[in-house]
Amino acid sequence: MILADKIITLRKRNGWSQEELADRLGISRQSVSKWESGGSYS
């Protein structure tokens, strides 16, 4: 399983939207979206 798949799986398992995960991590929702689509991890 690649990192993007792990992020999606764990986020959904916790019932969080991308916005909720972003808030918990102190990042933008766009960053979460980029991670989940396999974009840059920096």
N, C-alpha and C. Protein backbone atom coordinates (compact mmCIF):
# COMPACT_ATOMS: atom_id res chain seq x y z
N MET A 1 0.85 -1.18 0.00
CA MET A 1 0.00 0.00 0.00
C MET A 1 0.89 1.24 0.00
N ILE A 2 0.62 2.15 -0.90
CA ILE A 2 1.41 3.37 -0.95
C ILE A 2 0.90 4.38 0.07
N LEU A 3 1.70 5.39 0.34
CA LEU A 3 1.37 6.37 1.37
C LEU A 3 0.02 7.03 1.12
N ALA A 4 -0.27 7.39 -0.11
CA ALA A 4 -1.55 8.04 -0.42
C ALA A 4 -2.72 7.15 0.00
N ASP A 5 -2.61 5.86 -0.29
CA ASP A 5 -3.68 4.92 0.09
C ASP A 5 -3.82 4.81 1.60
N LYS A 6 -2.69 4.82 2.30
CA LYS A 6 -2.73 4.73 3.76
C LYS A 6 -3.41 5.95 4.37
N ILE A 7 -3.10 7.12 3.84
CA ILE A 7 -3.71 8.35 4.34
C ILE A 7 -5.23 8.30 4.15
N ILE A 8 -5.66 7.92 2.96
CA ILE A 8 -7.10 7.84 2.66
C ILE A 8 -7.78 6.84 3.58
N THR A 9 -7.18 5.64 3.70
CA THR A 9 -7.77 4.58 4.51
C THR A 9 -7.91 5.01 5.97
N LEU A 10 -6.85 5.54 6.54
CA LEU A 10 -6.88 5.93 7.94
C LEU A 10 -7.81 7.12 8.18
N ARG A 11 -7.83 8.06 7.24
CA ARG A 11 -8.73 9.21 7.38
C ARG A 11 -10.19 8.75 7.37
N LYS A 12 -10.52 7.88 6.43
CA LYS A 12 -11.91 7.40 6.34
C LYS A 12 -12.27 6.51 7.52
N ARG A 13 -11.33 5.70 7.99
CA ARG A 13 -11.58 4.84 9.15
C ARG A 13 -11.96 5.67 10.37
N ASN A 14 -11.38 6.87 10.47
CA ASN A 14 -11.68 7.76 11.59
C ASN A 14 -12.88 8.65 11.32
N GLY A 15 -13.44 8.56 10.11
CA GLY A 15 -14.62 9.36 9.77
C GLY A 15 -14.32 10.83 9.57
N TRP A 16 -13.08 11.14 9.20
CA TRP A 16 -12.69 12.54 9.03
C TRP A 16 -12.74 12.94 7.56
N SER A 17 -13.15 14.17 7.34
CA SER A 17 -13.04 14.74 6.00
C SER A 17 -11.60 15.22 5.80
N GLN A 18 -11.28 15.59 4.59
CA GLN A 18 -9.94 16.14 4.34
C GLN A 18 -9.75 17.41 5.18
N GLU A 19 -10.81 18.19 5.30
CA GLU A 19 -10.75 19.43 6.08
C GLU A 19 -10.45 19.13 7.55
N GLU A 20 -11.11 18.12 8.11
CA GLU A 20 -10.88 17.76 9.52
C GLU A 20 -9.45 17.28 9.74
N LEU A 21 -8.95 16.44 8.84
CA LEU A 21 -7.58 15.96 8.97
C LEU A 21 -6.60 17.12 8.88
N ALA A 22 -6.83 18.00 7.94
CA ALA A 22 -5.96 19.17 7.77
C ALA A 22 -5.94 20.02 9.04
N ASP A 23 -7.11 20.26 9.64
CA ASP A 23 -7.19 21.04 10.87
C ASP A 23 -6.40 20.37 11.99
N ARG A 24 -6.54 19.05 12.10
CA ARG A 24 -5.83 18.30 13.15
C ARG A 24 -4.31 18.36 12.97
N LEU A 25 -3.87 18.42 11.71
CA LEU A 25 -2.43 18.45 11.42
C LEU A 25 -1.88 19.87 11.32
N GLY A 26 -2.78 20.86 11.29
CA GLY A 26 -2.34 22.25 11.17
C GLY A 26 -1.83 22.59 9.79
N ILE A 27 -2.44 21.97 8.76
CA ILE A 27 -2.06 22.22 7.38
C ILE A 27 -3.31 22.57 6.58
N SER A 28 -3.14 22.85 5.29
CA SER A 28 -4.29 23.19 4.45
C SER A 28 -4.96 21.93 3.91
N ARG A 29 -6.24 22.06 3.60
CA ARG A 29 -6.97 20.94 3.00
C ARG A 29 -6.37 20.58 1.65
N GLN A 30 -5.85 21.58 0.96
CA GLN A 30 -5.24 21.34 -0.34
C GLN A 30 -4.02 20.43 -0.21
N SER A 31 -3.29 20.55 0.89
CA SER A 31 -2.14 19.67 1.12
C SER A 31 -2.59 18.22 1.28
N VAL A 32 -3.65 18.02 2.05
CA VAL A 32 -4.19 16.66 2.23
C VAL A 32 -4.62 16.10 0.88
N SER A 33 -5.32 16.91 0.10
CA SER A 33 -5.77 16.47 -1.22
C SER A 33 -4.58 16.08 -2.10
N LYS A 34 -3.54 16.89 -2.06
CA LYS A 34 -2.35 16.62 -2.86
C LYS A 34 -1.70 15.32 -2.42
N TRP A 35 -1.60 15.09 -1.10
CA TRP A 35 -1.03 13.84 -0.58
C TRP A 35 -1.84 12.65 -1.06
N GLU A 36 -3.16 12.77 -0.97
CA GLU A 36 -4.02 11.65 -1.34
C GLU A 36 -4.00 11.36 -2.83
N SER A 37 -3.67 12.33 -3.62
CA SER A 37 -3.59 12.11 -5.06
C SER A 37 -2.19 11.69 -5.48
N GLY A 38 -1.30 11.54 -4.49
CA GLY A 38 0.06 11.12 -4.76
C GLY A 38 0.99 12.25 -5.14
N GLY A 39 0.60 13.46 -4.78
CA GLY A 39 1.42 14.62 -5.08
C GLY A 39 2.58 14.76 -4.10
N SER A 40 3.18 15.89 -4.06
CA SER A 40 4.34 16.16 -3.22
C SER A 40 4.03 15.98 -1.74
N TYR A 41 5.01 15.47 -0.99
CA TYR A 41 4.85 15.27 0.45
C TYR A 41 5.60 16.30 1.26
N SER A 42 6.09 17.32 0.62
CA SER A 42 6.86 18.32 1.38
C SER A 42 5.98 19.44 1.85
